[in-house]
Amino acid sequence: MAKTGVSRSKAIEVLEAIEGYQQEPPMTNEPDPTLYAFPVSKQHPPKDHFLQKIIQDKESRDLIIELLDITGLPIKLLAEKVFEVTPKTLASYKTPGKVLPKRMQETAIKLRELYCKGEEIFGDKKRFNEWMSKPERGVNYYIPIDLINSVVGIDYIYDELVRIEFGDIA
């Protein structure tokens, strides 16, 4: 037998690892954390989770009420600054059977995730809303609350929250 420089036990270990890798993962509803660059938690699901929620046409009434509760923002501010509609129009989506347009659903879901992250970092939504109402260096001295009317702006703020979470605030 030719010498390969690899011990027999090491070769068996590598083969077992390859066999284990080729097995199908068990089917669950939980996201596989090995598929994503960053750890996946139940609190911060992957993007396909957002798409699934939008496709499901969640009852608009529930989504609006949940958003008002999570953000602690008045309906007038949410209507005018976020969704760019009148408060009366936004309130009309609280009636049973009326569904938010997809763009508004997407913004609502992203905003909910932003506020979950903000509350996690700042400890409560009041402190997070205070941070959101002042010019912030990490978002190029914009007032974060002025950026929440678009998904890009929400993502911009979310990225800054992640930097704060990991101590990159200098």
Protein backbone atom coordinates (compact mmCIF):
# COMPACT_ATOMS: atom_id res chain seq x y z
CA MET A 1 0.00 0.00 0.00
CA ALA A 2 1.33 3.43 -0.95
CA LYS A 3 1.93 5.99 1.74
CA THR A 4 -0.35 9.02 1.36
CA GLY A 5 0.62 10.95 4.45
CA VAL A 6 -2.92 10.65 5.89
CA SER A 7 -3.61 8.24 8.70
CA ARG A 8 -6.31 5.63 8.21
CA SER A 9 -8.34 7.00 11.12
CA LYS A 10 -8.24 10.53 9.67
CA ALA A 11 -9.38 9.21 6.26
CA ILE A 12 -12.30 7.37 7.88
CA GLU A 13 -13.22 10.51 9.82
CA VAL A 14 -13.28 12.58 6.60
CA LEU A 15 -15.39 9.98 4.78
CA GLU A 16 -17.91 9.86 7.64
CA ALA A 17 -18.12 13.64 7.61
CA ILE A 18 -18.78 13.62 3.84
CA GLU A 19 -21.47 10.96 4.21
CA GLY A 20 -23.11 12.94 7.01
CA TYR A 21 -23.00 16.09 4.90
CA GLN A 22 -24.73 14.43 1.94
CA GLN A 23 -27.72 13.30 4.01
CA GLU A 24 -30.92 15.27 3.55
CA PRO A 25 -31.64 17.70 6.40
CA PRO A 26 -34.82 16.99 8.38
CA MET A 27 -37.88 18.89 7.15
CA THR A 28 -38.97 21.53 9.67
CA ASN A 29 -40.66 24.89 9.59
CA GLU A 30 -37.63 26.48 11.23
CA PRO A 31 -35.08 28.17 8.93
CA ASP A 32 -31.77 26.35 8.62
CA PRO A 33 -29.19 28.68 10.22
CA THR A 34 -26.40 27.20 8.10
CA LEU A 35 -27.98 28.64 4.94
CA TYR A 36 -27.44 32.25 5.95
CA ALA A 37 -24.33 34.35 6.43
CA PHE A 38 -25.53 35.58 9.81
CA PRO A 39 -27.17 33.52 12.54
CA VAL A 40 -30.92 33.20 12.09
CA SER A 41 -33.08 33.61 15.14
CA LYS A 42 -36.82 33.36 15.56
CA GLN A 43 -36.90 37.08 16.32
CA HIS A 44 -35.17 38.06 13.06
CA PRO A 45 -36.28 35.66 10.34
CA PRO A 46 -34.70 35.51 6.87
CA LYS A 47 -36.08 37.55 3.96
CA ASP A 48 -38.17 34.70 2.52
CA HIS A 49 -40.17 34.91 5.74
CA PHE A 50 -41.09 38.52 4.86
CA LEU A 51 -42.18 37.50 1.37
CA GLN A 52 -44.32 34.69 2.74
CA LYS A 53 -46.09 37.12 5.08
CA ILE A 54 -46.78 39.54 2.22
CA ILE A 55 -48.11 36.78 -0.04
CA GLN A 56 -50.45 35.55 2.70
CA ASP A 57 -52.42 38.84 2.62
CA LYS A 58 -52.50 39.08 6.40
CA GLU A 59 -55.61 40.77 7.67
CA SER A 60 -54.86 44.49 7.32
CA ARG A 61 -56.68 45.32 10.53
CA ASP A 62 -54.32 43.06 12.52
CA LEU A 63 -51.25 44.43 10.76
CA ILE A 64 -52.17 48.09 11.40
CA ILE A 65 -53.09 47.48 15.05
CA GLU A 66 -49.88 45.49 15.59
CA LEU A 67 -47.82 48.23 13.95
CA LEU A 68 -49.40 50.94 16.11
CA ASP A 69 -48.69 48.87 19.22
CA ILE A 70 -45.11 47.92 18.35
CA THR A 71 -43.99 51.38 17.22
CA GLY A 72 -45.86 53.46 19.77
CA LEU A 73 -46.27 56.05 17.02
CA PRO A 74 -49.55 57.93 16.52
CA ILE A 75 -51.69 56.89 13.54
CA LYS A 76 -51.34 60.41 12.06
CA LEU A 77 -47.53 60.09 11.93
CA LEU A 78 -47.68 56.56 10.51
CA ALA A 79 -50.21 57.58 7.90
CA GLU A 80 -48.50 60.75 6.73
CA LYS A 81 -44.78 59.97 7.20
CA VAL A 82 -44.67 56.24 6.49
CA PHE A 83 -47.51 55.34 4.17
CA GLU A 84 -48.04 58.81 2.68
CA VAL A 85 -51.82 58.61 3.00
CA THR A 86 -54.29 60.47 5.17
CA PRO A 87 -54.97 59.15 8.67
CA LYS A 88 -58.56 58.48 7.57
CA THR A 89 -57.35 56.28 4.68
CA LEU A 90 -55.03 54.33 6.96
CA ALA A 91 -57.79 53.91 9.55
CA SER A 92 -60.06 52.56 6.81
CA TYR A 93 -57.74 49.55 6.48
CA LYS A 94 -58.71 48.59 10.02
CA THR A 95 -62.12 47.48 8.72
CA PRO A 96 -62.50 43.70 8.31
CA GLY A 97 -61.92 42.40 4.80
CA LYS A 98 -60.02 45.42 3.50
CA VAL A 99 -56.46 44.49 2.49
CA LEU A 100 -53.45 46.81 2.45
CA PRO A 101 -51.72 47.18 -0.91
CA LYS A 102 -48.58 45.04 -1.20
CA ARG A 103 -46.24 48.04 -0.97
CA MET A 104 -47.87 49.13 2.29
CA GLN A 105 -47.75 45.57 3.64
CA GLU A 106 -44.06 45.35 2.86
CA THR A 107 -43.34 48.67 4.56
CA ALA A 108 -45.41 47.66 7.61
CA ILE A 109 -43.60 44.34 7.97
CA LYS A 110 -40.16 45.92 7.55
CA LEU A 111 -41.06 48.67 10.03
CA ARG A 112 -42.21 46.09 12.54
CA GLU A 113 -38.86 44.30 12.27
CA LEU A 114 -37.01 47.61 12.61
CA TYR A 115 -38.87 48.40 15.82
CA CYS A 116 -38.25 44.92 17.21
CA LYS A 117 -34.51 45.45 16.62
CA GLY A 118 -34.63 48.99 18.04
CA GLU A 119 -36.44 47.86 21.17
CA GLU A 120 -33.94 45.02 21.57
CA ILE A 121 -31.00 47.45 21.42
CA PHE A 122 -32.44 50.45 23.29
CA GLY A 123 -34.46 48.50 25.84
CA ASP A 124 -37.87 49.99 25.05
CA LYS A 125 -39.72 51.71 22.22
CA LYS A 126 -39.77 55.11 24.00
CA ARG A 127 -35.96 55.33 24.04
CA PHE A 128 -35.81 54.03 20.48
CA ASN A 129 -38.33 56.66 19.32
CA GLU A 130 -36.20 59.34 21.03
CA TRP A 131 -33.15 58.10 19.10
CA MET A 132 -35.22 58.09 15.90
CA SER A 133 -36.20 61.75 16.36
CA LYS A 134 -32.69 63.28 16.43
CA PRO A 135 -30.07 63.61 13.68
CA GLU A 136 -27.79 60.59 13.86
CA ARG A 137 -24.21 60.36 12.69
CA GLY A 138 -24.54 56.74 11.56
CA VAL A 139 -27.24 57.65 9.05
CA ASN A 140 -25.37 60.63 7.63
CA TYR A 141 -26.94 63.03 10.17
CA TYR A 142 -30.44 62.41 8.87
CA ILE A 143 -33.28 62.20 11.35
CA PRO A 144 -34.08 58.47 11.18
CA ILE A 145 -37.86 58.96 11.50
CA ASP A 146 -37.73 60.93 8.23
CA LEU A 147 -36.33 57.86 6.43
CA ILE A 148 -39.02 55.33 7.36
CA ASN A 149 -41.28 56.08 4.39
CA SER A 150 -39.31 53.71 2.17
CA VAL A 151 -37.96 50.20 2.48
CA VAL A 152 -34.50 51.50 1.56
CA GLY A 153 -34.65 54.01 4.43
CA ILE A 154 -35.84 51.36 6.87
CA ASP A 155 -32.98 49.09 5.79
CA TYR A 156 -30.53 52.00 6.20
CA ILE A 157 -31.67 52.52 9.80
CA TYR A 158 -31.68 48.77 10.47
CA ASP A 159 -28.08 48.52 9.27
CA GLU A 160 -27.11 51.30 11.68
CA LEU A 161 -28.84 49.45 14.52
CA VAL A 162 -26.80 46.36 13.72
CA ARG A 163 -23.62 48.47 13.80
CA ILE A 164 -24.65 49.88 17.19
CA GLU A 165 -25.45 46.38 18.43
CA PHE A 166 -21.92 45.22 17.60
CA GLY A 167 -20.26 48.35 18.99
CA ASP A 168 -19.34 49.97 15.67
CA ILE A 169 -20.53 53.48 16.51
CA ALA A 170 -17.28 55.38 16.04
